[in-house]
Structure formats: C-alpha cells, structure tokens
C-alpha cells in the first residue's frame, strides 16, 4: 500500500475531481482523505499513474509512504 501526501489541504471541488479521475484511471486506487494540513491519496498499485494525475491537477507532492507487510519506508520530497 502506498500513501501519497499532497502538501496542504485541497478544496472539496478538487478533491472530488481527483477521486473521480483516480477511480477511473488508476488500478488499485483506494481513497482520498484530508487532514488539517495535508491530503492523502492511497493506492495499492499504480503509484506513478497517481502521481501523474496529481501533478496534472496542480498538486504539490510532499511525501510518499510505502507500506509492505510489517515494514514501512518513507520518502520526503
């Protein structure tokens, strides 16, 4: 499982648009959630495709978390 962290909280319209595009285009898309300071996109497979969609929509990527069984890694951008 991979979580892409988008810098800043995005507005509801963009969140809905992202959800629709990711659901239609990305294999293994799970969800888009927002916290007080960031937005998280969870995918199981096509992280590169999800990154492409996010950058096309003008999102700034803050980090990517990769969860594999009981081991996790973190990449800050």
PDB file of N, CA and C in Angstrom:
ATOM      1  N   UNK A   1       0.849  -1.169   0.000  1.00  0.00           N
ATOM      2  CA  UNK A   1       0.000   0.000   0.000  1.00  0.00           C
ATOM      3  C   UNK A   1       0.897   1.235   0.000  1.00  0.00           C
ATOM      4  N   UNK A   2       0.493   2.232  -0.753  1.00  0.00           N
ATOM      5  CA  UNK A   2       1.246   3.469  -0.846  1.00  0.00           C
ATOM      6  C   UNK A   2       0.335   4.652  -0.532  1.00  0.00           C
ATOM      7  N   UNK A   3       0.853   5.571   0.247  1.00  0.00           N
ATOM      8  CA  UNK A   3       0.124   6.799   0.543  1.00  0.00           C
ATOM      9  C   UNK A   3       0.932   7.960  -0.001  1.00  0.00           C
ATOM     10  N   UNK A   4       0.314   8.721  -0.878  1.00  0.00           N
ATOM     11  CA  UNK A   4       0.940   9.921  -1.426  1.00  0.00           C
ATOM     12  C   UNK A   4       0.390  11.099  -0.632  1.00  0.00           C
ATOM     13  N   UNK A   5       1.287  11.884  -0.056  1.00  0.00           N
ATOM     14  CA  UNK A   5       0.883  13.032   0.754  1.00  0.00           C
ATOM     15  C   UNK A   5       1.007  14.287  -0.103  1.00  0.00           C
ATOM     16  N   UNK A   6      -0.116  14.957  -0.293  1.00  0.00           N
ATOM     17  CA  UNK A   6      -0.160  16.201  -1.058  1.00  0.00           C
ATOM     18  C   UNK A   6      -0.029  17.355  -0.074  1.00  0.00           C
ATOM     19  N   UNK A   7       0.852  18.292  -0.390  1.00  0.00           N
ATOM     20  CA  UNK A   7       1.093  19.427   0.501  1.00  0.00           C
ATOM     21  C   UNK A   7      -0.145  20.311   0.582  1.00  0.00           C
ATOM     22  N   UNK A   8      -0.572  20.587   1.788  1.00  0.00           N
ATOM     23  CA  UNK A   8      -1.730  21.450   2.016  1.00  0.00           C
ATOM     24  C   UNK A   8      -3.047  20.717   1.856  1.00  0.00           C
ATOM     25  N   UNK A   9      -4.057  21.285   2.429  1.00  0.00           N
ATOM     26  CA  UNK A   9      -5.405  20.720   2.307  1.00  0.00           C
ATOM     27  C   UNK A   9      -6.031  21.275   1.034  1.00  0.00           C
ATOM     28  N   UNK A  10      -6.567  20.393   0.183  1.00  0.00           N
ATOM     29  CA  UNK A  10      -7.168  20.844  -1.069  1.00  0.00           C
ATOM     30  C   UNK A  10      -8.658  21.095  -0.872  1.00  0.00           C
ATOM     31  N   UNK A  11      -9.235  21.917  -1.742  1.00  0.00           N
ATOM     32  CA  UNK A  11     -10.659  22.235  -1.605  1.00  0.00           C
ATOM     33  C   UNK A  11     -11.524  21.051  -2.039  1.00  0.00           C
ATOM     34  N   UNK A  12     -12.786  21.111  -1.676  1.00  0.00           N
ATOM     35  CA  UNK A  12     -13.718  19.996  -1.919  1.00  0.00           C
ATOM     36  C   UNK A  12     -13.905  19.696  -3.404  1.00  0.00           C
ATOM     37  N   UNK A  13     -13.943  20.731  -4.243  1.00  0.00           N
ATOM     38  CA  UNK A  13     -14.117  20.516  -5.684  1.00  0.00           C
ATOM     39  C   UNK A  13     -12.946  19.739  -6.271  1.00  0.00           C
ATOM     40  N   UNK A  14     -11.725  20.137  -5.913  1.00  0.00           N
ATOM     41  CA  UNK A  14     -10.543  19.434  -6.405  1.00  0.00           C
ATOM     42  C   UNK A  14     -10.498  18.013  -5.855  1.00  0.00           C
ATOM     43  N   UNK A  15     -10.860  17.840  -4.593  1.00  0.00           N
ATOM     44  CA  UNK A  15     -10.854  16.505  -4.004  1.00  0.00           C
ATOM     45  C   UNK A  15     -11.815  15.576  -4.755  1.00  0.00           C
ATOM     46  N   UNK A  16     -12.996  16.081  -5.069  1.00  0.00           N
ATOM     47  CA  UNK A  16     -13.977  15.275  -5.801  1.00  0.00           C
ATOM     48  C   UNK A  16     -13.477  14.948  -7.208  1.00  0.00           C
ATOM     49  N   UNK A  17     -12.884  15.933  -7.876  1.00  0.00           N
ATOM     50  CA  UNK A  17     -12.341  15.715  -9.217  1.00  0.00           C
ATOM     51  C   UNK A  17     -11.214  14.682  -9.186  1.00  0.00           C
ATOM     52  N   UNK A  18     -10.326  14.789  -8.193  1.00  0.00           N
ATOM     53  CA  UNK A  18      -9.242  13.816  -8.051  1.00  0.00           C
ATOM     54  C   UNK A  18      -9.784  12.412  -7.810  1.00  0.00           C
ATOM     55  N   UNK A  19     -10.751  12.303  -6.909  1.00  0.00           N
ATOM     56  CA  UNK A  19     -11.354  10.992  -6.628  1.00  0.00           C
ATOM     57  C   UNK A  19     -11.917  10.359  -7.887  1.00  0.00           C
ATOM     58  N   UNK A  20     -12.634  11.133  -8.676  1.00  0.00           N
ATOM     59  CA  UNK A  20     -13.226  10.607  -9.905  1.00  0.00           C
ATOM     60  C   UNK A  20     -12.164  10.182 -10.911  1.00  0.00           C
ATOM     61  N   UNK A  21     -11.156  11.022 -11.134  1.00  0.00           N
ATOM     62  CA  UNK A  21     -10.093  10.681 -12.090  1.00  0.00           C
ATOM     63  C   UNK A  21      -9.295   9.478 -11.622  1.00  0.00           C
ATOM     64  N   UNK A  22      -8.934   9.455 -10.346  1.00  0.00           N
ATOM     65  CA  UNK A  22      -8.136   8.341  -9.830  1.00  0.00           C
ATOM     66  C   UNK A  22      -8.928   7.036  -9.879  1.00  0.00           C
ATOM     67  N   UNK A  23     -10.196   7.082  -9.539  1.00  0.00           N
ATOM     68  CA  UNK A  23     -11.043   5.883  -9.579  1.00  0.00           C
ATOM     69  C   UNK A  23     -11.135   5.335 -11.004  1.00  0.00           C
ATOM     70  N   UNK A  24     -11.254   6.239 -11.988  1.00  0.00           N
ATOM     71  CA  UNK A  24     -11.394   5.827 -13.388  1.00  0.00           C
ATOM     72  C   UNK A  24     -10.081   5.366 -14.016  1.00  0.00           C
ATOM     73  N   UNK A  25      -8.955   5.963 -13.624  1.00  0.00           N
ATOM     74  CA  UNK A  25      -7.697   5.744 -14.331  1.00  0.00           C
ATOM     75  C   UNK A  25      -6.679   4.864 -13.618  1.00  0.00           C
ATOM     76  N   UNK A  26      -6.764   4.745 -12.307  1.00  0.00           N
ATOM     77  CA  UNK A  26      -5.675   4.127 -11.553  1.00  0.00           C
ATOM     78  C   UNK A  26      -6.076   2.769 -10.988  1.00  0.00           C
ATOM     79  N   UNK A  27      -5.324   1.753 -11.376  1.00  0.00           N
ATOM     80  CA  UNK A  27      -5.508   0.399 -10.847  1.00  0.00           C
ATOM     81  C   UNK A  27      -5.141   0.396  -9.363  1.00  0.00           C
ATOM     82  N   UNK A  28      -6.024  -0.080  -8.533  1.00  0.00           N
ATOM     83  CA  UNK A  28      -5.740  -0.186  -7.109  1.00  0.00           C
ATOM     84  C   UNK A  28      -5.949   1.091  -6.313  1.00  0.00           C
ATOM     85  N   UNK A  29      -6.644   2.082  -6.886  1.00  0.00           N
ATOM     86  CA  UNK A  29      -6.945   3.303  -6.128  1.00  0.00           C
ATOM     87  C   UNK A  29      -7.848   2.955  -4.953  1.00  0.00           C
ATOM     88  N   UNK A  30      -7.532   3.495  -3.764  1.00  0.00           N
ATOM     89  CA  UNK A  30      -8.330   3.217  -2.567  1.00  0.00           C
ATOM     90  C   UNK A  30      -9.146   4.417  -2.106  1.00  0.00           C
ATOM     91  N   UNK A  31      -8.477   5.548  -1.794  1.00  0.00           N
ATOM     92  CA  UNK A  31      -9.218   6.684  -1.244  1.00  0.00           C
ATOM     93  C   UNK A  31      -8.400   7.963  -1.260  1.00  0.00           C
ATOM     94  N   UNK A  32      -9.117   9.078  -1.127  1.00  0.00           N
ATOM     95  CA  UNK A  32      -8.520  10.394  -0.904  1.00  0.00           C
ATOM     96  C   UNK A  32      -9.077  10.888   0.419  1.00  0.00           C
ATOM     97  N   UNK A  33      -8.198  11.271   1.338  1.00  0.00           N
ATOM     98  CA  UNK A  33      -8.630  11.803   2.631  1.00  0.00           C
ATOM     99  C   UNK A  33      -7.880  13.102   2.917  1.00  0.00           C
ATOM    100  N   UNK A  34      -8.479  13.942   3.743  1.00  0.00           N
ATOM    101  CA  UNK A  34      -7.856  15.217   4.091  1.00  0.00           C
ATOM    102  C   UNK A  34      -7.667  15.304   5.597  1.00  0.00           C
ATOM    103  N   UNK A  35      -6.527  15.853   5.999  1.00  0.00           N
ATOM    104  CA  UNK A  35      -6.280  16.178   7.397  1.00  0.00           C
ATOM    105  C   UNK A  35      -6.310  17.703   7.505  1.00  0.00           C
ATOM    106  N   UNK A  36      -5.968  18.231   8.658  1.00  0.00           N
ATOM    107  CA  UNK A  36      -5.973  19.686   8.814  1.00  0.00           C
ATOM    108  C   UNK A  36      -4.898  20.371   7.973  1.00  0.00           C
ATOM    109  N   UNK A  37      -3.833  19.639   7.595  1.00  0.00           N
ATOM    110  CA  UNK A  37      -2.732  20.293   6.882  1.00  0.00           C
ATOM    111  C   UNK A  37      -2.284  19.595   5.599  1.00  0.00           C
ATOM    112  N   UNK A  38      -2.884  18.470   5.250  1.00  0.00           N
ATOM    113  CA  UNK A  38      -2.467  17.770   4.036  1.00  0.00           C
ATOM    114  C   UNK A  38      -3.613  16.922   3.490  1.00  0.00           C
ATOM    115  N   UNK A  39      -3.389  16.371   2.316  1.00  0.00           N
ATOM    116  CA  UNK A  39      -4.343  15.474   1.680  1.00  0.00           C
ATOM    117  C   UNK A  39      -3.610  14.181   1.358  1.00  0.00           C
ATOM    118  N   UNK A  40      -4.223  13.042   1.653  1.00  0.00           N
ATOM    119  CA  UNK A  40      -3.594  11.745   1.432  1.00  0.00           C
ATOM    120  C   UNK A  40      -4.326  10.975   0.347  1.00  0.00           C
ATOM    121  N   UNK A  41      -3.561  10.391  -0.565  1.00  0.00           N
ATOM    122  CA  UNK A  41      -4.102   9.550  -1.627  1.00  0.00           C
ATOM    123  C   UNK A  41      -3.526   8.155  -1.429  1.00  0.00           C
ATOM    124  N   UNK A  42      -4.399   7.164  -1.283  1.00  0.00           N
ATOM    125  CA  UNK A  42      -3.958   5.791  -1.025  1.00  0.00           C
ATOM    126  C   UNK A  42      -4.193   4.950  -2.274  1.00  0.00           C
ATOM    127  N   UNK A  43      -3.128   4.289  -2.748  1.00  0.00           N
ATOM    128  CA  UNK A  43      -3.208   3.383  -3.893  1.00  0.00           C
ATOM    129  C   UNK A  43      -2.497   2.082  -3.539  1.00  0.00           C
ATOM    130  N   UNK A  44      -2.939   0.993  -4.153  1.00  0.00           N
ATOM    131  CA  UNK A  44      -2.301  -0.298  -3.926  1.00  0.00           C
ATOM    132  C   UNK A  44      -1.261  -0.621  -4.985  1.00  0.00           C
ATOM    133  N   UNK A  45      -1.422  -0.085  -6.196  1.00  0.00           N
ATOM    134  CA  UNK A  45      -0.539  -0.498  -7.277  1.00  0.00           C
ATOM    135  C   UNK A  45       0.110   0.662  -8.028  1.00  0.00           C
ATOM    136  N   UNK A  46      -0.629   1.378  -8.833  1.00  0.00           N
ATOM    137  CA  UNK A  46      -0.078   2.320  -9.804  1.00  0.00           C
ATOM    138  C   UNK A  46       0.263   3.679  -9.190  1.00  0.00           C
ATOM    139  N   UNK A  47       1.325   3.714  -8.399  1.00  0.00           N
ATOM    140  CA  UNK A  47       1.714   4.967  -7.748  1.00  0.00           C
ATOM    141  C   UNK A  47       2.155   6.007  -8.779  1.00  0.00           C
ATOM    142  N   UNK A  48       2.834   5.580  -9.843  1.00  0.00           N
ATOM    143  CA  UNK A  48       3.308   6.535 -10.858  1.00  0.00           C
ATOM    144  C   UNK A  48       2.136   7.165 -11.604  1.00  0.00           C
ATOM    145  N   UNK A  49       1.125   6.380 -11.908  1.00  0.00           N
ATOM    146  CA  UNK A  49      -0.071   6.922 -12.552  1.00  0.00           C
ATOM    147  C   UNK A  49      -0.782   7.919 -11.656  1.00  0.00           C
ATOM    148  N   UNK A  50      -0.862   7.598 -10.365  1.00  0.00           N
ATOM    149  CA  UNK A  50      -1.493   8.509  -9.406  1.00  0.00           C
ATOM    150  C   UNK A  50      -0.702   9.811  -9.294  1.00  0.00           C
ATOM    151  N   UNK A  51       0.624   9.707  -9.268  1.00  0.00           N
ATOM    152  CA  UNK A  51       1.459  10.912  -9.219  1.00  0.00           C
ATOM    153  C   UNK A  51       1.229  11.782 -10.451  1.00  0.00           C
ATOM    154  N   UNK A  52       1.087  11.151 -11.606  1.00  0.00           N
ATOM    155  CA  UNK A  52       0.835  11.897 -12.841  1.00  0.00           C
ATOM    156  C   UNK A  52      -0.487  12.667 -12.749  1.00  0.00           C
ATOM    157  N   UNK A  53      -1.543  11.999 -12.299  1.00  0.00           N
ATOM    158  CA  UNK A  53      -2.846  12.656 -12.162  1.00  0.00           C
ATOM    159  C   UNK A  53      -2.746  13.827 -11.185  1.00  0.00           C
ATOM    160  N   UNK A  54      -2.104  13.613 -10.059  1.00  0.00           N
ATOM    161  CA  UNK A  54      -1.989  14.667  -9.045  1.00  0.00           C
ATOM    162  C   UNK A  54      -1.226  15.878  -9.574  1.00  0.00           C
ATOM    163  N   UNK A  55      -0.108  15.637 -10.250  1.00  0.00           N
ATOM    164  CA  UNK A  55       0.668  16.768 -10.767  1.00  0.00           C
ATOM    165  C   UNK A  55      -0.067  17.474 -11.899  1.00  0.00           C
ATOM    166  N   UNK A  56      -0.810  16.728 -12.721  1.00  0.00           N
ATOM    167  CA  UNK A  56      -1.617  17.361 -13.772  1.00  0.00           C
ATOM    168  C   UNK A  56      -2.676  18.288 -13.184  1.00  0.00           C
ATOM    169  N   UNK A  57      -3.163  17.965 -12.001  1.00  0.00           N
ATOM    170  CA  UNK A  57      -4.175  18.793 -11.331  1.00  0.00           C
ATOM    171  C   UNK A  57      -3.544  19.920 -10.510  1.00  0.00           C
ATOM    172  N   UNK A  58      -2.209  20.039 -10.554  1.00  0.00           N
ATOM    173  CA  UNK A  58      -1.531  21.136  -9.877  1.00  0.00           C
ATOM    174  C   UNK A  58      -1.184  20.884  -8.423  1.00  0.00           C
ATOM    175  N   UNK A  59      -1.252  19.634  -7.990  1.00  0.00           N
ATOM    176  CA  UNK A  59      -0.941  19.304  -6.598  1.00  0.00           C
ATOM    177  C   UNK A  59       0.571  19.229  -6.393  1.00  0.00           C
ATOM    178  N   UNK A  60       1.030  19.696  -5.242  1.00  0.00           N
ATOM    179  CA  UNK A  60       2.435  19.603  -4.865  1.00  0.00           C
ATOM    180  C   UNK A  60       2.603  18.398  -3.944  1.00  0.00           C
ATOM    181  N   UNK A  61       3.465  17.459  -4.337  1.00  0.00           N
ATOM    182  CA  UNK A  61       3.672  16.232  -3.575  1.00  0.00           C
ATOM    183  C   UNK A  61       4.654  16.503  -2.440  1.00  0.00           C
ATOM    184  N   UNK A  62       4.261  16.136  -1.234  1.00  0.00           N
ATOM    185  CA  UNK A  62       5.104  16.338  -0.055  1.00  0.00           C
ATOM    186  C   UNK A  62       5.885  15.083   0.303  1.00  0.00           C
ATOM    187  N   UNK A  63       5.253  13.910   0.205  1.00  0.00           N
ATOM    188  CA  UNK A  63       5.917  12.662   0.596  1.00  0.00           C
ATOM    189  C   UNK A  63       5.176  11.474   0.004  1.00  0.00           C
ATOM    190  N   UNK A  64       5.863  10.333  -0.016  1.00  0.00           N
ATOM    191  CA  UNK A  64       5.253   9.069  -0.412  1.00  0.00           C
ATOM    192  C   UNK A  64       5.606   8.052   0.664  1.00  0.00           C
ATOM    193  N   UNK A  65       4.595   7.414   1.236  1.00  0.00           N
ATOM    194  CA  UNK A  65       4.806   6.360   2.229  1.00  0.00           C
ATOM    195  C   UNK A  65       4.510   5.027   1.554  1.00  0.00           C
ATOM    196  N   UNK A  66       5.421   4.066   1.718  1.00  0.00           N
ATOM    197  CA  UNK A  66       5.229   2.730   1.147  1.00  0.00           C
ATOM    198  C   UNK A  66       5.131   1.744   2.298  1.00  0.00           C
ATOM    199  N   UNK A  67       4.011   1.019   2.355  1.00  0.00           N
ATOM    200  CA  UNK A  67       3.773   0.045   3.412  1.00  0.00           C
ATOM    201  C   UNK A  67       3.830  -1.350   2.806  1.00  0.00           C
ATOM    202  N   UNK A  68       4.753  -2.168   3.279  1.00  0.00           N
ATOM    203  CA  UNK A  68       4.873  -3.545   2.794  1.00  0.00           C
ATOM    204  C   UNK A  68       4.913  -4.472   4.000  1.00  0.00           C
ATOM    205  N   UNK A  69       3.829  -5.214   4.178  1.00  0.00           N
ATOM    206  CA  UNK A  69       3.669  -6.100   5.332  1.00  0.00           C
ATOM    207  C   UNK A  69       3.911  -5.329   6.613  1.00  0.00           C
ATOM    208  N   UNK A  70       4.910  -5.704   7.401  1.00  0.00           N
ATOM    209  CA  UNK A  70       5.138  -5.005   8.671  1.00  0.00           C
ATOM    210  C   UNK A  70       6.286  -4.005   8.586  1.00  0.00           C
ATOM    211  N   UNK A  71       6.817  -3.803   7.392  1.00  0.00           N
ATOM    212  CA  UNK A  71       7.922  -2.871   7.210  1.00  0.00           C
ATOM    213  C   UNK A  71       7.405  -1.678   6.421  1.00  0.00           C
ATOM    214  N   UNK A  72       7.809  -0.499   6.804  1.00  0.00           N
ATOM    215  CA  UNK A  72       7.395   0.681   6.050  1.00  0.00           C
ATOM    216  C   UNK A  72       8.606   1.542   5.740  1.00  0.00           C
ATOM    217  N   UNK A  73       8.496   2.315   4.686  1.00  0.00           N
ATOM    218  CA  UNK A  73       9.545   3.270   4.354  1.00  0.00           C
ATOM    219  C   UNK A  73       8.880   4.593   4.026  1.00  0.00           C
ATOM    220  N   UNK A  74       9.657   5.635   4.042  1.00  0.00           N
ATOM    221  CA  UNK A  74       9.118   6.985   3.873  1.00  0.00           C
ATOM    222  C   UNK A  74      10.059   7.760   2.964  1.00  0.00           C
ATOM    223  N   UNK A  75       9.514   8.439   1.990  1.00  0.00           N
ATOM    224  CA  UNK A  75      10.287   9.278   1.093  1.00  0.00           C
ATOM    225  C   UNK A  75       9.723  10.681   1.167  1.00  0.00           C
ATOM    226  N   UNK A  76      10.534  11.610   1.644  1.00  0.00           N
ATOM    227  CA  UNK A  76      10.119  13.017   1.670  1.00  0.00           C
ATOM    228  C   UNK A  76      10.663  13.696   0.437  1.00  0.00           C
ATOM    229  N   UNK A  77       9.845  14.546  -0.156  1.00  0.00           N
ATOM    230  CA  UNK A  77      10.272  15.256  -1.365  1.00  0.00           C
ATOM    231  C   UNK A  77      10.578  16.689  -1.049  1.00  0.00           C
TER     232      UNK A  77
END
